């Protein structure tokens, strides 16, 4: 189900939004929704990745070893 939100942005930001939307050949509201959705999707992915790492890092390190320090190789 789609929801509607109202936000206030500056005139300059709205003009930039309109230009970006025109490049994608969509209206400004649709483009803003796409950008917001993509940002939230990325945030959910990053949260999931952090959760996965915190849950499985120890087991991964036991099986495959810990991080390699490449700074010593450069010297």
N, C-alpha and C. Protein backbone atom coordinates (compact mmCIF):
# COMPACT_ATOMS: atom_id res chain seq x y z
N UNK A 1 0.85 -1.18 0.00
CA UNK A 1 0.00 0.00 0.00
C UNK A 1 0.89 1.24 0.00
N UNK A 2 0.60 2.15 -0.87
CA UNK A 2 1.37 3.38 -0.97
C UNK A 2 0.86 4.39 0.06
N UNK A 3 1.77 5.15 0.58
CA UNK A 3 1.43 6.22 1.54
C UNK A 3 1.88 7.54 0.96
N UNK A 4 1.26 8.59 1.40
CA UNK A 4 1.64 9.93 0.96
C UNK A 4 2.21 10.69 2.13
N UNK A 5 3.33 11.39 1.87
CA UNK A 5 3.91 12.27 2.89
C UNK A 5 4.09 13.65 2.28
N UNK A 6 4.13 14.64 3.13
CA UNK A 6 4.37 16.00 2.68
C UNK A 6 5.63 16.48 3.37
N UNK A 7 6.52 17.07 2.57
CA UNK A 7 7.75 17.62 3.12
C UNK A 7 7.94 19.02 2.58
N UNK A 8 8.70 19.81 3.30
CA UNK A 8 9.04 21.15 2.83
C UNK A 8 10.51 21.16 2.48
N UNK A 9 10.83 21.69 1.29
CA UNK A 9 12.22 21.86 0.87
C UNK A 9 12.36 23.27 0.32
N UNK A 10 13.58 23.73 0.24
CA UNK A 10 13.82 25.08 -0.26
C UNK A 10 13.49 25.17 -1.74
N UNK A 11 13.30 26.38 -2.22
CA UNK A 11 13.04 26.59 -3.64
C UNK A 11 14.19 26.06 -4.49
N UNK A 12 15.42 26.29 -4.03
CA UNK A 12 16.59 25.81 -4.78
C UNK A 12 16.60 24.30 -4.86
N UNK A 13 16.29 23.62 -3.76
CA UNK A 13 16.26 22.16 -3.75
C UNK A 13 15.16 21.64 -4.66
N UNK A 14 14.01 22.32 -4.67
CA UNK A 14 12.91 21.87 -5.54
C UNK A 14 13.27 22.05 -7.01
N UNK A 15 13.94 23.13 -7.33
CA UNK A 15 14.37 23.34 -8.72
C UNK A 15 15.35 22.25 -9.15
N UNK A 16 16.26 21.89 -8.25
CA UNK A 16 17.21 20.82 -8.55
C UNK A 16 16.47 19.48 -8.69
N UNK A 17 15.48 19.25 -7.84
CA UNK A 17 14.66 18.04 -7.93
C UNK A 17 13.94 17.98 -9.28
N UNK A 18 13.39 19.11 -9.70
CA UNK A 18 12.70 19.14 -11.00
C UNK A 18 13.65 18.84 -12.15
N UNK A 19 14.86 19.39 -12.09
CA UNK A 19 15.84 19.14 -13.16
C UNK A 19 16.22 17.66 -13.19
N UNK A 20 16.48 17.09 -12.03
CA UNK A 20 16.86 15.67 -11.95
C UNK A 20 15.72 14.78 -12.44
N UNK A 21 14.50 15.14 -12.08
CA UNK A 21 13.33 14.36 -12.51
C UNK A 21 13.15 14.45 -14.02
N UNK A 22 13.35 15.63 -14.57
CA UNK A 22 13.20 15.82 -16.02
C UNK A 22 14.21 14.96 -16.77
N UNK A 23 15.43 14.83 -16.24
CA UNK A 23 16.43 13.98 -16.87
C UNK A 23 15.98 12.52 -16.91
N UNK A 24 15.22 12.11 -15.90
CA UNK A 24 14.72 10.73 -15.82
C UNK A 24 13.36 10.58 -16.51
N UNK A 25 12.83 11.70 -16.97
CA UNK A 25 11.51 11.75 -17.63
C UNK A 25 10.37 11.27 -16.73
N UNK A 26 10.42 11.72 -15.47
CA UNK A 26 9.33 11.47 -14.52
C UNK A 26 9.01 12.78 -13.83
N UNK A 27 7.85 12.85 -13.18
CA UNK A 27 7.55 14.08 -12.46
C UNK A 27 8.34 14.14 -11.16
N UNK A 28 8.42 15.33 -10.61
CA UNK A 28 9.27 15.56 -9.44
C UNK A 28 8.85 14.71 -8.24
N UNK A 29 7.55 14.54 -8.03
CA UNK A 29 7.08 13.76 -6.89
C UNK A 29 7.46 12.29 -7.04
N UNK A 30 7.32 11.75 -8.25
CA UNK A 30 7.69 10.35 -8.48
C UNK A 30 9.19 10.16 -8.30
N UNK A 31 9.98 11.11 -8.80
CA UNK A 31 11.42 11.02 -8.66
C UNK A 31 11.83 11.08 -7.19
N UNK A 32 11.24 11.98 -6.43
CA UNK A 32 11.54 12.08 -5.01
C UNK A 32 11.21 10.77 -4.30
N UNK A 33 10.10 10.16 -4.66
CA UNK A 33 9.74 8.87 -4.07
C UNK A 33 10.75 7.79 -4.42
N UNK A 34 11.23 7.78 -5.66
CA UNK A 34 12.23 6.79 -6.08
C UNK A 34 13.54 6.97 -5.31
N UNK A 35 13.95 8.21 -5.16
CA UNK A 35 15.19 8.50 -4.44
C UNK A 35 15.07 8.10 -2.98
N UNK A 36 13.96 8.44 -2.36
CA UNK A 36 13.73 8.08 -0.96
C UNK A 36 13.69 6.57 -0.79
N UNK A 37 13.00 5.88 -1.68
CA UNK A 37 12.91 4.42 -1.61
C UNK A 37 14.29 3.79 -1.76
N UNK A 38 15.08 4.28 -2.71
CA UNK A 38 16.43 3.74 -2.91
C UNK A 38 17.30 3.97 -1.68
N UNK A 39 17.19 5.15 -1.07
CA UNK A 39 17.98 5.46 0.12
C UNK A 39 17.59 4.55 1.28
N UNK A 40 16.29 4.35 1.47
CA UNK A 40 15.83 3.49 2.56
C UNK A 40 16.21 2.03 2.30
N UNK A 41 16.17 1.61 1.05
CA UNK A 41 16.59 0.24 0.71
C UNK A 41 18.06 0.06 1.04
N UNK A 42 18.88 1.04 0.70
CA UNK A 42 20.31 0.97 1.02
C UNK A 42 20.51 0.93 2.54
N UNK A 43 19.77 1.74 3.27
CA UNK A 43 19.89 1.76 4.74
C UNK A 43 19.51 0.40 5.32
N UNK A 44 18.44 -0.22 4.81
CA UNK A 44 18.03 -1.55 5.29
C UNK A 44 19.11 -2.59 4.98
N UNK A 45 19.69 -2.51 3.78
CA UNK A 45 20.75 -3.44 3.40
C UNK A 45 21.94 -3.29 4.35
N UNK A 46 22.37 -2.05 4.59
CA UNK A 46 23.53 -1.82 5.46
C UNK A 46 23.24 -2.31 6.88
N UNK A 47 22.04 -2.09 7.38
CA UNK A 47 21.66 -2.57 8.71
C UNK A 47 21.73 -4.10 8.74
N UNK A 48 21.23 -4.75 7.70
CA UNK A 48 21.28 -6.21 7.63
C UNK A 48 22.71 -6.71 7.56
N UNK A 49 23.55 -6.03 6.79
CA UNK A 49 24.95 -6.43 6.69
C UNK A 49 25.65 -6.31 8.03
N UNK A 50 25.41 -5.21 8.74
CA UNK A 50 26.02 -5.05 10.06
C UNK A 50 25.55 -6.13 11.02
N UNK A 51 24.28 -6.46 10.95
CA UNK A 51 23.74 -7.52 11.81
C UNK A 51 24.37 -8.86 11.47
N UNK A 52 24.49 -9.17 10.19
CA UNK A 52 25.11 -10.42 9.75
C UNK A 52 26.55 -10.50 10.25
N UNK A 53 27.28 -9.42 10.09
CA UNK A 53 28.68 -9.40 10.53
C UNK A 53 28.77 -9.63 12.04
N UNK A 54 27.94 -8.93 12.80
CA UNK A 54 28.02 -9.08 14.25
C UNK A 54 27.65 -10.49 14.69
N UNK A 55 26.75 -11.15 13.97
CA UNK A 55 26.34 -12.50 14.34
C UNK A 55 27.34 -13.57 13.89
N UNK A 56 28.02 -13.35 12.79
CA UNK A 56 28.82 -14.42 12.19
C UNK A 56 30.31 -14.14 12.10
N UNK A 57 30.77 -12.99 12.53
CA UNK A 57 32.19 -12.64 12.38
C UNK A 57 33.10 -13.61 13.12
N UNK A 58 32.72 -13.99 14.32
CA UNK A 58 33.57 -14.88 15.11
C UNK A 58 33.72 -16.25 14.43
N UNK A 59 32.61 -16.82 13.99
CA UNK A 59 32.66 -18.11 13.31
C UNK A 59 33.44 -18.04 12.01
N UNK A 60 33.28 -16.94 11.28
CA UNK A 60 34.03 -16.76 10.04
C UNK A 60 35.52 -16.67 10.32
N UNK A 61 35.90 -15.92 11.35
CA UNK A 61 37.31 -15.77 11.71
C UNK A 61 37.89 -17.11 12.16
N UNK A 62 37.12 -17.91 12.90
CA UNK A 62 37.60 -19.22 13.33
C UNK A 62 37.85 -20.13 12.13
N UNK A 63 36.97 -20.08 11.18
CA UNK A 63 37.09 -20.97 10.00
C UNK A 63 38.15 -20.49 9.01
N UNK A 64 38.19 -19.19 8.75
CA UNK A 64 39.05 -18.68 7.68
C UNK A 64 40.20 -17.80 8.17
N UNK A 65 40.26 -17.52 9.44
CA UNK A 65 41.29 -16.65 9.97
C UNK A 65 40.81 -15.22 10.07
N UNK A 66 41.55 -14.42 10.80
CA UNK A 66 41.17 -13.03 11.01
C UNK A 66 41.62 -12.15 9.86
N UNK A 67 41.40 -10.86 9.99
CA UNK A 67 41.82 -9.91 8.95
C UNK A 67 43.34 -9.91 8.77
N UNK A 68 43.77 -9.68 7.56
CA UNK A 68 45.19 -9.62 7.24
C UNK A 68 45.62 -8.17 7.29
N UNK A 69 46.73 -7.91 7.96
CA UNK A 69 47.27 -6.55 8.04
C UNK A 69 48.26 -6.35 6.89
N UNK A 70 47.81 -5.65 5.84
CA UNK A 70 48.64 -5.44 4.67
C UNK A 70 49.65 -4.32 4.87
N UNK A 71 49.54 -3.55 5.94
CA UNK A 71 50.45 -2.41 6.15
C UNK A 71 51.88 -2.92 6.39
N UNK A 72 52.04 -4.11 6.98
CA UNK A 72 53.37 -4.65 7.22
C UNK A 72 54.04 -5.06 5.90
N UNK A 73 53.24 -5.48 4.91
CA UNK A 73 53.79 -5.88 3.63
C UNK A 73 54.36 -4.70 2.85
N UNK A 74 53.80 -3.52 3.07
CA UNK A 74 54.22 -2.34 2.33
C UNK A 74 55.58 -1.84 2.77
N UNK A 75 56.01 -2.21 3.98
CA UNK A 75 57.28 -1.71 4.51
C UNK A 75 58.47 -2.41 4.01
